[in-house]
Amino acid sequence: MVIISVSRRTDIPAFYGDWFINRIKEGFAMYRNPMRLTQVFAVSLRPEDVDAIVFWTKNPRNFLDKLKYIEEYTYYFQFTITPYGKDMEPGIPSKNEVIETFIELSNMIGKKRVIWRYDPIIITDKMDLEYHKEKFEELCEKLSPYTQKCIISYVDFYSKAVDELNRINAKDLAAKELYNLFSTIGSIGKKYNLSIETCAEDVPVQEIGLKKANCVDGKLIKKLREEKGFCDNKEYKKDNNQRKACGCVQSIDIGIFNTCKHFCTYCYANFSRNLILKNAKKYDVNSPLLCSRLDLEKDEIRIREKDGSIKLDKETILK
């Protein structure tokens, strides 16, 4: 059995929900190895083969009416709401609209399954610590009745995003400055009975009463599965394909880079707007691959199993 990540690489609930539900109905999905694009993996999405599904999104409004198709599954949402405007997040609706969606989703599935991400935090001359204190508290007032946890992190200066971050004069904070930032945010969150956790940060936040986040969270998944009547003693292993400071357990991501149409300036998963638009044109709701098609001459198809991958005959998977 596997945990399916949907997806760190793109916002499937926002833009590609119909494709995902078709994959659920078909019982499998396929995805390309981002480091070797002709290597294609197939993974079962049958309920008996999936431990849990973790959704990552900034706007699941169009996905709410599709939750009925995944009632058999254990799942939860990582839902990002930040204080930034259209200049930095041009593809995201108004904050009021996104907050309404957050509340509606929480009312539908329960607040323990809707985790708020205030992520990434970006400090500039215009968006200093005082700015974030004010905006974070405003969001806490609105969201804290509908979630139990907020995950925070400071922006990473990935090569794909560094030009845009430099353009807005984003500050690359030193460890002491990060410590102060997280302490301040944590103090506000505690006022609203939120568990504040940091994502993939090396700062010793336990000293200020915060936790290290496990965004793909084995303990939460076990708890949610128990609530659905599953009793197993499975221990989930750390995902060594993620950064060293990342606390996530192993999962399989079925998304694809350069397909998210939020166009956020700080995004690490997109190279350019033109490439996103080019890939989006390849979107086929009936394809087993997101924004891609199988090439029977070039693609090497494998099936993912819990103990690794084995070569699979193409004709078999295409039946």
C-alpha atoms as a PDB file:
ATOM      1  CA  MET A   1       0.000   0.000   0.000  1.00  0.00           C
ATOM      2  CA  VAL A   2       1.143   3.560  -0.712  1.00  0.00           C
ATOM      3  CA  ILE A   3       0.484   7.180   0.172  1.00  0.00           C
ATOM      4  CA  ILE A   4      -0.435   9.266  -2.880  1.00  0.00           C
ATOM      5  CA  SER A   5       0.634  12.927  -3.007  1.00  0.00           C
ATOM      6  CA  VAL A   6      -1.686  15.117  -5.112  1.00  0.00           C
ATOM      7  CA  SER A   7       0.580  17.083  -5.586  1.00  0.00           C
ATOM      8  CA  ARG A   8       3.685  19.026  -4.544  1.00  0.00           C
ATOM      9  CA  ARG A   9       4.343  19.734  -8.227  1.00  0.00           C
ATOM     10  CA  THR A  10       1.066  21.375  -9.207  1.00  0.00           C
ATOM     11  CA  ASP A  11      -2.395  22.213  -7.888  1.00  0.00           C
ATOM     12  CA  ILE A  12      -4.477  19.261  -9.044  1.00  0.00           C
ATOM     13  CA  PRO A  13      -7.592  20.121  -6.973  1.00  0.00           C
ATOM     14  CA  ALA A  14      -7.648  23.632  -8.460  1.00  0.00           C
ATOM     15  CA  PHE A  15      -7.029  22.819 -12.115  1.00  0.00           C
ATOM     16  CA  TYR A  16      -7.088  19.095 -12.811  1.00  0.00           C
ATOM     17  CA  GLY A  17      -9.719  17.612 -10.508  1.00  0.00           C
ATOM     18  CA  ASP A  18     -11.652  15.958 -13.339  1.00  0.00           C
ATOM     19  CA  TRP A  19      -8.492  14.157 -14.451  1.00  0.00           C
ATOM     20  CA  PHE A  20      -7.823  12.910 -10.932  1.00  0.00           C
ATOM     21  CA  ILE A  21     -11.361  11.593 -10.467  1.00  0.00           C
ATOM     22  CA  ASN A  22     -11.101   9.786 -13.805  1.00  0.00           C
ATOM     23  CA  ARG A  23      -7.917   8.176 -12.487  1.00  0.00           C
ATOM     24  CA  ILE A  24      -9.797   7.122  -9.349  1.00  0.00           C
ATOM     25  CA  LYS A  25     -12.512   5.573 -11.506  1.00  0.00           C
ATOM     26  CA  GLU A  26      -9.941   3.787 -13.684  1.00  0.00           C
ATOM     27  CA  GLY A  27      -8.074   2.576 -10.608  1.00  0.00           C
ATOM     28  CA  PHE A  28      -4.578   3.763 -11.553  1.00  0.00           C
ATOM     29  CA  ALA A  29      -2.535   6.802 -12.551  1.00  0.00           C
ATOM     30  CA  MET A  30       0.742   7.261 -14.390  1.00  0.00           C
ATOM     31  CA  TYR A  31       3.463   9.859 -13.981  1.00  0.00           C
ATOM     32  CA  ARG A  32       6.831  10.668 -15.500  1.00  0.00           C
ATOM     33  CA  ASN A  33      10.107  10.544 -13.626  1.00  0.00           C
ATOM     34  CA  PRO A  34      11.033  14.271 -13.567  1.00  0.00           C
ATOM     35  CA  MET A  35      14.712  13.354 -13.858  1.00  0.00           C
ATOM     36  CA  ARG A  36      14.178  10.964 -16.778  1.00  0.00           C
ATOM     37  CA  LEU A  37      11.059  11.873 -18.698  1.00  0.00           C
ATOM     38  CA  THR A  38      10.844   8.726 -20.810  1.00  0.00           C
ATOM     39  CA  GLN A  39      10.536   6.614 -17.665  1.00  0.00           C
ATOM     40  CA  VAL A  40       6.858   6.331 -16.814  1.00  0.00           C
ATOM     41  CA  PHE A  41       5.480   4.777 -13.649  1.00  0.00           C
ATOM     42  CA  ALA A  42       2.010   3.356 -13.089  1.00  0.00           C
ATOM     43  CA  VAL A  43       0.571   3.221  -9.584  1.00  0.00           C
ATOM     44  CA  SER A  44      -2.669   1.682  -8.372  1.00  0.00           C
ATOM     45  CA  LEU A  45      -5.310   4.019  -7.003  1.00  0.00           C
ATOM     46  CA  ARG A  46      -7.682   1.273  -5.921  1.00  0.00           C
ATOM     47  CA  PRO A  47      -8.886   1.850  -2.339  1.00  0.00           C
ATOM     48  CA  GLU A  48      -7.353  -1.409  -1.136  1.00  0.00           C
ATOM     49  CA  ASP A  49      -3.925  -0.337  -2.452  1.00  0.00           C
ATOM     50  CA  VAL A  50      -3.861   3.210  -1.077  1.00  0.00           C
ATOM     51  CA  ASP A  51      -3.092   4.046   2.561  1.00  0.00           C
ATOM     52  CA  ALA A  52      -4.008   7.701   2.131  1.00  0.00           C
ATOM     53  CA  ILE A  53      -4.162  10.633  -0.271  1.00  0.00           C
ATOM     54  CA  VAL A  54      -2.584  13.982   0.630  1.00  0.00           C
ATOM     55  CA  PHE A  55      -3.936  16.916  -1.374  1.00  0.00           C
ATOM     56  CA  TRP A  56      -1.916  20.138  -1.753  1.00  0.00           C
ATOM     57  CA  THR A  57      -3.883  23.169  -2.929  1.00  0.00           C
ATOM     58  CA  LYS A  58      -4.430  26.906  -2.830  1.00  0.00           C
ATOM     59  CA  ASN A  59      -7.972  26.836  -4.161  1.00  0.00           C
ATOM     60  CA  PRO A  60      -9.977  23.579  -4.139  1.00  0.00           C
ATOM     61  CA  ARG A  61     -13.286  25.327  -4.899  1.00  0.00           C
ATOM     62  CA  ASN A  62     -13.870  23.259  -8.060  1.00  0.00           C
ATOM     63  CA  PHE A  63     -12.990  20.048  -6.223  1.00  0.00           C
ATOM     64  CA  LEU A  64     -15.571  20.202  -3.448  1.00  0.00           C
ATOM     65  CA  ASP A  65     -18.286  18.530  -5.503  1.00  0.00           C
ATOM     66  CA  LYS A  66     -15.876  15.665  -6.307  1.00  0.00           C
ATOM     67  CA  LEU A  67     -15.266  14.582  -2.708  1.00  0.00           C
ATOM     68  CA  LYS A  68     -18.132  12.105  -3.047  1.00  0.00           C
ATOM     69  CA  TYR A  69     -15.922   9.993  -5.324  1.00  0.00           C
ATOM     70  CA  ILE A  70     -13.237   9.480  -2.671  1.00  0.00           C
ATOM     71  CA  GLU A  71     -15.353   8.598   0.367  1.00  0.00           C
ATOM     72  CA  GLU A  72     -13.704   5.159   0.579  1.00  0.00           C
ATOM     73  CA  TYR A  73     -10.252   6.718   0.950  1.00  0.00           C
ATOM     74  CA  THR A  74      -8.349   8.182   3.870  1.00  0.00           C
ATOM     75  CA  TYR A  75      -7.330  11.702   2.870  1.00  0.00           C
ATOM     76  CA  TYR A  76      -6.601  15.199   4.077  1.00  0.00           C
ATOM     77  CA  PHE A  77      -5.736  18.596   2.602  1.00  0.00           C
ATOM     78  CA  GLN A  78      -2.713  20.859   2.875  1.00  0.00           C
ATOM     79  CA  PHE A  79      -4.429  24.179   2.111  1.00  0.00           C
ATOM     80  CA  THR A  80      -2.220  27.242   1.555  1.00  0.00           C
ATOM     81  CA  ILE A  81      -3.521  30.713   2.380  1.00  0.00           C
ATOM     82  CA  THR A  82      -0.981  33.536   2.436  1.00  0.00           C
ATOM     83  CA  PRO A  83      -1.337  37.336   2.794  1.00  0.00           C
ATOM     84  CA  TYR A  84      -0.045  38.155  -0.692  1.00  0.00           C
ATOM     85  CA  GLY A  85      -1.886  39.997  -3.438  1.00  0.00           C
ATOM     86  CA  LYS A  86      -2.366  39.540  -7.156  1.00  0.00           C
ATOM     87  CA  ASP A  87       1.095  40.941  -7.828  1.00  0.00           C
ATOM     88  CA  MET A  88       2.578  37.782  -6.298  1.00  0.00           C
ATOM     89  CA  GLU A  89      -0.263  35.265  -6.701  1.00  0.00           C
ATOM     90  CA  PRO A  90      -2.046  36.332  -9.900  1.00  0.00           C
ATOM     91  CA  GLY A  91      -3.993  33.088 -10.405  1.00  0.00           C
ATOM     92  CA  ILE A  92      -5.595  32.902  -6.965  1.00  0.00           C
ATOM     93  CA  PRO A  93      -9.058  34.375  -6.261  1.00  0.00           C
ATOM     94  CA  SER A  94      -9.666  37.005  -3.604  1.00  0.00           C
ATOM     95  CA  LYS A  95      -8.652  36.048  -0.064  1.00  0.00           C
ATOM     96  CA  ASN A  96     -12.254  36.258   1.094  1.00  0.00           C
ATOM     97  CA  GLU A  97     -13.280  33.724  -1.523  1.00  0.00           C
ATOM     98  CA  VAL A  98     -10.452  31.352  -0.646  1.00  0.00           C
ATOM     99  CA  ILE A  99     -11.251  31.656   3.071  1.00  0.00           C
ATOM    100  CA  GLU A 100     -14.892  30.803   2.334  1.00  0.00           C
ATOM    101  CA  THR A 101     -13.720  27.685   0.496  1.00  0.00           C
ATOM    102  CA  PHE A 102     -11.495  26.736   3.438  1.00  0.00           C
ATOM    103  CA  ILE A 103     -14.429  27.018   5.828  1.00  0.00           C
ATOM    104  CA  GLU A 104     -16.745  25.053   3.547  1.00  0.00           C
ATOM    105  CA  LEU A 105     -14.194  22.270   3.111  1.00  0.00           C
ATOM    106  CA  SER A 106     -13.642  22.077   6.866  1.00  0.00           C
ATOM    107  CA  ASN A 107     -17.364  21.865   7.503  1.00  0.00           C
ATOM    108  CA  MET A 108     -17.592  19.027   4.969  1.00  0.00           C
ATOM    109  CA  ILE A 109     -14.708  16.825   6.146  1.00  0.00           C
ATOM    110  CA  GLY A 110     -13.713  18.047   9.626  1.00  0.00           C
ATOM    111  CA  LYS A 111     -11.049  20.471  10.756  1.00  0.00           C
ATOM    112  CA  LYS A 112      -8.369  17.863  11.507  1.00  0.00           C
ATOM    113  CA  ARG A 113      -8.332  17.042   7.765  1.00  0.00           C
ATOM    114  CA  VAL A 114      -7.824  20.640   6.633  1.00  0.00           C
ATOM    115  CA  ILE A 115      -4.329  21.843   7.507  1.00  0.00           C
ATOM    116  CA  TRP A 116      -3.583  25.507   6.929  1.00  0.00           C
ATOM    117  CA  ARG A 117      -0.243  26.445   5.372  1.00  0.00           C
ATOM    118  CA  TYR A 118       1.023  30.005   5.859  1.00  0.00           C
ATOM    119  CA  ASP A 119       3.781  29.229   3.453  1.00  0.00           C
ATOM    120  CA  PRO A 120       6.084  30.581   2.225  1.00  0.00           C
ATOM    121  CA  ILE A 121       6.720  33.567   4.445  1.00  0.00           C
ATOM    122  CA  ILE A 122       8.518  36.287   2.482  1.00  0.00           C
ATOM    123  CA  ILE A 123      10.101  39.336   4.116  1.00  0.00           C
ATOM    124  CA  THR A 124      10.676  42.491   2.074  1.00  0.00           C
ATOM    125  CA  ASP A 125      10.902  46.193   2.919  1.00  0.00           C
ATOM    126  CA  LYS A 126       7.140  46.476   2.301  1.00  0.00           C
ATOM    127  CA  MET A 127       6.247  43.137   3.934  1.00  0.00           C
ATOM    128  CA  ASP A 128       8.283  43.235   7.105  1.00  0.00           C
ATOM    129  CA  LEU A 129       7.761  41.375  10.382  1.00  0.00           C
ATOM    130  CA  GLU A 130       5.052  43.802  11.501  1.00  0.00           C
ATOM    131  CA  TYR A 131       3.182  43.192   8.259  1.00  0.00           C
ATOM    132  CA  HIS A 132       3.211  39.437   8.820  1.00  0.00           C
ATOM    133  CA  LYS A 133       2.204  39.777  12.474  1.00  0.00           C
ATOM    134  CA  GLU A 134      -0.863  41.763  11.427  1.00  0.00           C
ATOM    135  CA  LYS A 135      -1.839  39.567   8.468  1.00  0.00           C
ATOM    136  CA  PHE A 136      -1.199  36.277  10.255  1.00  0.00           C
ATOM    137  CA  GLU A 137      -3.392  37.295  13.186  1.00  0.00           C
ATOM    138  CA  GLU A 138      -6.159  38.388  10.824  1.00  0.00           C
ATOM    139  CA  LEU A 139      -6.089  34.967   9.181  1.00  0.00           C
ATOM    140  CA  CYS A 140      -5.907  33.181  12.542  1.00  0.00           C
ATOM    141  CA  GLU A 141      -9.114  34.928  13.624  1.00  0.00           C
ATOM    142  CA  LYS A 142     -10.914  33.665  10.515  1.00  0.00           C
ATOM    143  CA  LEU A 143      -9.414  30.194  10.107  1.00  0.00           C
ATOM    144  CA  SER A 144      -8.674  28.895  13.618  1.00  0.00           C
ATOM    145  CA  PRO A 145     -12.243  27.633  14.235  1.00  0.00           C
ATOM    146  CA  TYR A 146     -11.879  25.437  11.155  1.00  0.00           C
ATOM    147  CA  THR A 147      -8.440  23.852  11.570  1.00  0.00           C
ATOM    148  CA  GLN A 148      -6.159  22.543  14.297  1.00  0.00           C
ATOM    149  CA  LYS A 149      -2.783  23.169  12.725  1.00  0.00           C
ATOM    150  CA  CYS A 150      -0.826  25.760  10.779  1.00  0.00           C
ATOM    151  CA  ILE A 151       2.386  24.879   8.963  1.00  0.00           C
ATOM    152  CA  ILE A 152       4.848  27.678   8.277  1.00  0.00           C
ATOM    153  CA  SER A 153       8.181  28.020   6.501  1.00  0.00           C
ATOM    154  CA  TYR A 154      10.402  30.747   5.174  1.00  0.00           C
ATOM    155  CA  VAL A 155      10.796  31.063   1.425  1.00  0.00           C
ATOM    156  CA  ASP A 156      13.579  29.031  -0.187  1.00  0.00           C
ATOM    157  CA  PHE A 157      15.736  30.787  -2.756  1.00  0.00           C
ATOM    158  CA  TYR A 158      15.546  28.025  -5.347  1.00  0.00           C
ATOM    159  CA  SER A 159      17.278  28.735  -8.639  1.00  0.00           C
ATOM    160  CA  LYS A 160      13.917  28.605 -10.437  1.00  0.00           C
ATOM    161  CA  ALA A 161      12.497  31.399  -8.271  1.00  0.00           C
ATOM    162  CA  VAL A 162      15.515  33.464  -7.291  1.00  0.00           C
ATOM    163  CA  ASP A 163      15.154  36.055 -10.079  1.00  0.00           C
ATOM    164  CA  GLU A 164      11.575  36.843  -9.077  1.00  0.00           C
ATOM    165  CA  LEU A 165      12.481  36.938  -5.390  1.00  0.00           C
ATOM    166  CA  ASN A 166      15.327  39.328  -6.110  1.00  0.00           C
ATOM    167  CA  ARG A 167      12.978  41.471  -8.166  1.00  0.00           C
ATOM    168  CA  ILE A 168      10.765  42.064  -5.115  1.00  0.00           C
ATOM    169  CA  ASN A 169      13.856  42.440  -2.880  1.00  0.00           C
ATOM    170  CA  ALA A 170      13.017  39.407  -0.755  1.00  0.00           C
ATOM    171  CA  LYS A 171      15.393  39.060   2.186  1.00  0.00           C
ATOM    172  CA  ASP A 172      17.377  35.879   2.779  1.00  0.00           C
ATOM    173  CA  LEU A 173      17.168  35.776   6.580  1.00  0.00           C
ATOM    174  CA  ALA A 174      19.930  34.591   8.864  1.00  0.00           C
ATOM    175  CA  ALA A 175      19.237  31.860  11.427  1.00  0.00           C
ATOM    176  CA  LYS A 176      18.718  34.336  14.294  1.00  0.00           C
ATOM    177  CA  GLU A 177      16.218  36.331  12.217  1.00  0.00           C
ATOM    178  CA  LEU A 178      14.332  33.143  11.319  1.00  0.00           C
ATOM    179  CA  TYR A 179      14.231  32.165  14.971  1.00  0.00           C
ATOM    180  CA  ASN A 180      12.685  35.537  15.854  1.00  0.00           C
ATOM    181  CA  LEU A 181      10.190  35.305  12.995  1.00  0.00           C
ATOM    182  CA  PHE A 182       9.007  31.810  13.933  1.00  0.00           C
ATOM    183  CA  SER A 183       8.823  32.739  17.612  1.00  0.00           C
ATOM    184  CA  THR A 184       6.608  35.710  16.806  1.00  0.00           C
ATOM    185  CA  ILE A 185       4.301  33.744  14.501  1.00  0.00           C
ATOM    186  CA  GLY A 186       4.173  30.877  16.984  1.00  0.00           C
ATOM    187  CA  SER A 187       3.103  33.156  19.828  1.00  0.00           C
ATOM    188  CA  ILE A 188       0.211  34.490  17.761  1.00  0.00           C
ATOM    189  CA  GLY A 189      -0.889  31.008  16.721  1.00  0.00           C
ATOM    190  CA  LYS A 190      -0.952  29.780  20.324  1.00  0.00           C
ATOM    191  CA  LYS A 191      -3.435  32.536  21.192  1.00  0.00           C
ATOM    192  CA  TYR A 192      -5.818  30.820  18.792  1.00  0.00           C
ATOM    193  CA  ASN A 193      -5.084  27.271  20.027  1.00  0.00           C
ATOM    194  CA  LEU A 194      -3.322  26.362  16.801  1.00  0.00           C
ATOM    195  CA  SER A 195      -0.441  23.909  16.654  1.00  0.00           C
ATOM    196  CA  ILE A 196       2.265  25.817  14.779  1.00  0.00           C
ATOM    197  CA  GLU A 197       4.743  23.617  12.923  1.00  0.00           C
ATOM    198  CA  THR A 198       7.689  24.494  10.696  1.00  0.00           C
ATOM    199  CA  CYS A 199       8.246  22.795   7.352  1.00  0.00           C
ATOM    200  CA  ALA A 200      11.795  21.693   6.442  1.00  0.00           C
ATOM    201  CA  GLU A 201      13.521  24.285   8.617  1.00  0.00           C
ATOM    202  CA  ASP A 202      16.833  23.692  10.431  1.00  0.00           C
ATOM    203  CA  VAL A 203      16.066  26.256  13.145  1.00  0.00           C
ATOM    204  CA  PRO A 204      15.645  24.565  16.604  1.00  0.00           C
ATOM    205  CA  VAL A 205      12.010  25.608  16.953  1.00  0.00           C
ATOM    206  CA  GLN A 206      11.308  23.135  19.758  1.00  0.00           C
ATOM    207  CA  GLU A 207      13.058  25.616  22.052  1.00  0.00           C
ATOM    208  CA  ILE A 208      10.245  28.122  21.417  1.00  0.00           C
ATOM    209  CA  GLY A 209       7.439  25.595  21.772  1.00  0.00           C
ATOM    210  CA  LEU A 210       6.901  24.840  18.081  1.00  0.00           C
ATOM    211  CA  LYS A 211       7.002  21.494  16.327  1.00  0.00           C
ATOM    212  CA  LYS A 212       8.760  20.198  13.242  1.00  0.00           C
ATOM    213  CA  ALA A 213       6.139  19.494  10.597  1.00  0.00           C
ATOM    214  CA  ASN A 214       5.428  16.181   8.917  1.00  0.00           C
ATOM    215  CA  CYS A 215       3.338  17.396   6.006  1.00  0.00           C
ATOM    216  CA  VAL A 216       2.877  13.858   4.691  1.00  0.00           C
ATOM    217  CA  ASP A 217       2.169  12.728   8.219  1.00  0.00           C
ATOM    218  CA  GLY A 218       2.312   9.027   9.074  1.00  0.00           C
ATOM    219  CA  LYS A 219       0.856   9.531  12.558  1.00  0.00           C
ATOM    220  CA  LEU A 220      -2.097  11.536  11.253  1.00  0.00           C
ATOM    221  CA  ILE A 221      -2.709   8.976   8.514  1.00  0.00           C
ATOM    222  CA  LYS A 222      -2.763   6.125  11.045  1.00  0.00           C
ATOM    223  CA  LYS A 223      -5.212   8.069  13.202  1.00  0.00           C
ATOM    224  CA  LEU A 224      -7.509   8.834  10.268  1.00  0.00           C
ATOM    225  CA  ARG A 225      -7.364   5.226   9.101  1.00  0.00           C
ATOM    226  CA  GLU A 226      -8.303   4.009  12.568  1.00  0.00           C
ATOM    227  CA  GLU A 227     -11.332   6.287  12.476  1.00  0.00           C
ATOM    228  CA  LYS A 228     -12.380   4.512   9.272  1.00  0.00           C
ATOM    229  CA  GLY A 229     -12.051   1.139  10.989  1.00  0.00           C
ATOM    230  CA  PHE A 230      -8.589   0.108   9.796  1.00  0.00           C
ATOM    231  CA  CYS A 231      -6.400  -1.412  12.482  1.00  0.00           C
ATOM    232  CA  ASP A 232      -2.824  -1.966  11.328  1.00  0.00           C
ATOM    233  CA  ASN A 233       0.583  -1.530  12.879  1.00  0.00           C
ATOM    234  CA  LYS A 234       2.257  -0.137   9.802  1.00  0.00           C
ATOM    235  CA  GLU A 235       5.217   2.148  10.405  1.00  0.00           C
ATOM    236  CA  TYR A 236       5.811   4.762   7.745  1.00  0.00           C
ATOM    237  CA  LYS A 237       9.412   5.554   6.819  1.00  0.00           C
ATOM    238  CA  LYS A 238      10.943   8.965   6.245  1.00  0.00           C
ATOM    239  CA  ASP A 239      11.000  10.026   2.607  1.00  0.00           C
ATOM    240  CA  ASN A 240      14.705  10.254   1.796  1.00  0.00           C
ATOM    241  CA  ASN A 241      13.913  11.787  -1.599  1.00  0.00           C
ATOM    242  CA  GLN A 242      12.966  15.012   0.185  1.00  0.00           C
ATOM    243  CA  ARG A 243      15.279  17.518   1.848  1.00  0.00           C
ATOM    244  CA  LYS A 244      17.149  16.405   4.956  1.00  0.00           C
ATOM    245  CA  ALA A 245      15.112  18.704   7.214  1.00  0.00           C
ATOM    246  CA  CYS A 246      11.826  17.477   5.736  1.00  0.00           C
ATOM    247  CA  GLY A 247       9.801  15.294   8.103  1.00  0.00           C
ATOM    248  CA  CYS A 248       7.507  13.737   5.493  1.00  0.00           C
ATOM    249  CA  VAL A 249       7.062   9.991   5.203  1.00  0.00           C
ATOM    250  CA  GLN A 250       7.332   8.187   1.871  1.00  0.00           C
ATOM    251  CA  SER A 251       4.728   8.964  -0.764  1.00  0.00           C
ATOM    252  CA  ILE A 252       4.255   8.826  -4.515  1.00  0.00           C
ATOM    253  CA  ASP A 253       3.571  12.125  -6.279  1.00  0.00           C
ATOM    254  CA  ILE A 254       1.462  11.857  -9.433  1.00  0.00           C
ATOM    255  CA  GLY A 255       1.787  15.504 -10.484  1.00  0.00           C
ATOM    256  CA  ILE A 256       4.008  17.140 -13.059  1.00  0.00           C
ATOM    257  CA  PHE A 257       6.099  20.310 -12.902  1.00  0.00           C
ATOM    258  CA  ASN A 258       5.315  23.388 -15.029  1.00  0.00           C
ATOM    259  CA  THR A 259       1.539  22.946 -15.022  1.00  0.00           C
ATOM    260  CA  CYS A 260       0.297  25.133 -12.134  1.00  0.00           C
ATOM    261  CA  LYS A 261      -1.673  28.128 -13.400  1.00  0.00           C
ATOM    262  CA  HIS A 262      -1.579  30.149 -10.186  1.00  0.00           C
ATOM    263  CA  PHE A 263       1.684  31.699 -11.557  1.00  0.00           C
ATOM    264  CA  CYS A 264       2.987  32.553  -8.074  1.00  0.00           C
ATOM    265  CA  THR A 265       6.217  34.531  -8.241  1.00  0.00           C
ATOM    266  CA  TYR A 266       7.942  32.421  -5.569  1.00  0.00           C
ATOM    267  CA  CYS A 267       7.053  29.032  -7.071  1.00  0.00           C
ATOM    268  CA  TYR A 268       9.753  26.339  -7.221  1.00  0.00           C
ATOM    269  CA  ALA A 269       7.680  24.016  -9.451  1.00  0.00           C
ATOM    270  CA  ASN A 270       7.445  26.235 -12.534  1.00  0.00           C
ATOM    271  CA  PHE A 271      10.173  27.408 -14.904  1.00  0.00           C
ATOM    272  CA  SER A 272       8.218  29.926 -16.991  1.00  0.00           C
ATOM    273  CA  ARG A 273       4.691  31.044 -17.830  1.00  0.00           C
ATOM    274  CA  ASN A 274       5.155  30.009 -21.470  1.00  0.00           C
ATOM    275  CA  LEU A 275       6.090  26.465 -20.490  1.00  0.00           C
ATOM    276  CA  ILE A 276       3.083  26.238 -18.174  1.00  0.00           C
ATOM    277  CA  LEU A 277       0.733  27.341 -20.930  1.00  0.00           C
ATOM    278  CA  LYS A 278       2.362  24.940 -23.384  1.00  0.00           C
ATOM    279  CA  ASN A 279       1.948  21.997 -21.026  1.00  0.00           C
ATOM    280  CA  ALA A 280      -1.593  22.984 -20.090  1.00  0.00           C
ATOM    281  CA  LYS A 281      -2.577  22.604 -23.755  1.00  0.00           C
ATOM    282  CA  LYS A 282      -1.606  18.924 -23.497  1.00  0.00           C
ATOM    283  CA  TYR A 283      -4.185  18.363 -20.773  1.00  0.00           C
ATOM    284  CA  ASP A 284      -6.436  15.440 -21.590  1.00  0.00           C
ATOM    285  CA  VAL A 285      -8.916  14.476 -18.916  1.00  0.00           C
ATOM    286  CA  ASN A 286      -8.845  10.871 -20.158  1.00  0.00           C
ATOM    287  CA  SER A 287      -5.054  10.427 -20.331  1.00  0.00           C
ATOM    288  CA  PRO A 288      -3.433   8.290 -17.615  1.00  0.00           C
ATOM    289  CA  LEU A 289      -0.708  10.984 -17.435  1.00  0.00           C
ATOM    290  CA  LEU A 290      -1.340  14.554 -16.322  1.00  0.00           C
ATOM    291  CA  CYS A 291      -0.759  17.038 -19.170  1.00  0.00           C
ATOM    292  CA  SER A 292       1.053  14.359 -21.159  1.00  0.00           C
ATOM    293  CA  ARG A 293       0.444  11.339 -23.370  1.00  0.00           C
ATOM    294  CA  LEU A 294       2.167   8.001 -23.588  1.00  0.00           C
ATOM    295  CA  ASP A 295       4.659   7.524 -26.399  1.00  0.00           C
ATOM    296  CA  LEU A 296       4.567   3.801 -27.111  1.00  0.00           C
ATOM    297  CA  GLU A 297       7.825   3.979 -29.033  1.00  0.00           C
ATOM    298  CA  LYS A 298       9.943   5.815 -26.478  1.00  0.00           C
ATOM    299  CA  ASP A 299       8.370   5.468 -23.055  1.00  0.00           C
ATOM    300  CA  GLU A 300       9.573   2.813 -20.652  1.00  0.00           C
ATOM    301  CA  ILE A 301       6.646   1.847 -18.433  1.00  0.00           C
ATOM    302  CA  ARG A 302       6.996   0.455 -14.932  1.00  0.00           C
ATOM    303  CA  ILE A 303       4.536  -0.355 -12.203  1.00  0.00           C
ATOM    304  CA  ARG A 304       5.109   0.932  -8.690  1.00  0.00           C
ATOM    305  CA  GLU A 305       4.782  -1.546  -5.867  1.00  0.00           C
ATOM    306  CA  LYS A 306       5.382  -1.124  -2.177  1.00  0.00           C
ATOM    307  CA  ASP A 307       8.840  -2.700  -2.404  1.00  0.00           C
ATOM    308  CA  GLY A 308      10.051  -0.775  -5.437  1.00  0.00           C
ATOM    309  CA  SER A 309       9.367  -0.993  -9.147  1.00  0.00           C
ATOM    310  CA  ILE A 310       9.370  -3.782 -11.691  1.00  0.00           C
ATOM    311  CA  LYS A 311       9.432  -3.666 -15.475  1.00  0.00           C
ATOM    312  CA  LEU A 312       5.945  -4.040 -16.952  1.00  0.00           C
ATOM    313  CA  ASP A 313       4.960  -4.982 -20.448  1.00  0.00           C
ATOM    314  CA  LYS A 314       3.364  -1.964 -22.179  1.00  0.00           C
ATOM    315  CA  GLU A 315       0.497  -3.943 -23.633  1.00  0.00           C
ATOM    316  CA  THR A 316      -0.460  -5.137 -20.161  1.00  0.00           C
ATOM    317  CA  ILE A 317      -0.850  -1.674 -18.621  1.00  0.00           C
ATOM    318  CA  LEU A 318      -2.669  -0.336 -21.687  1.00  0.00           C
ATOM    319  CA  LYS A 319      -5.392  -2.979 -21.680  1.00  0.00           C
END
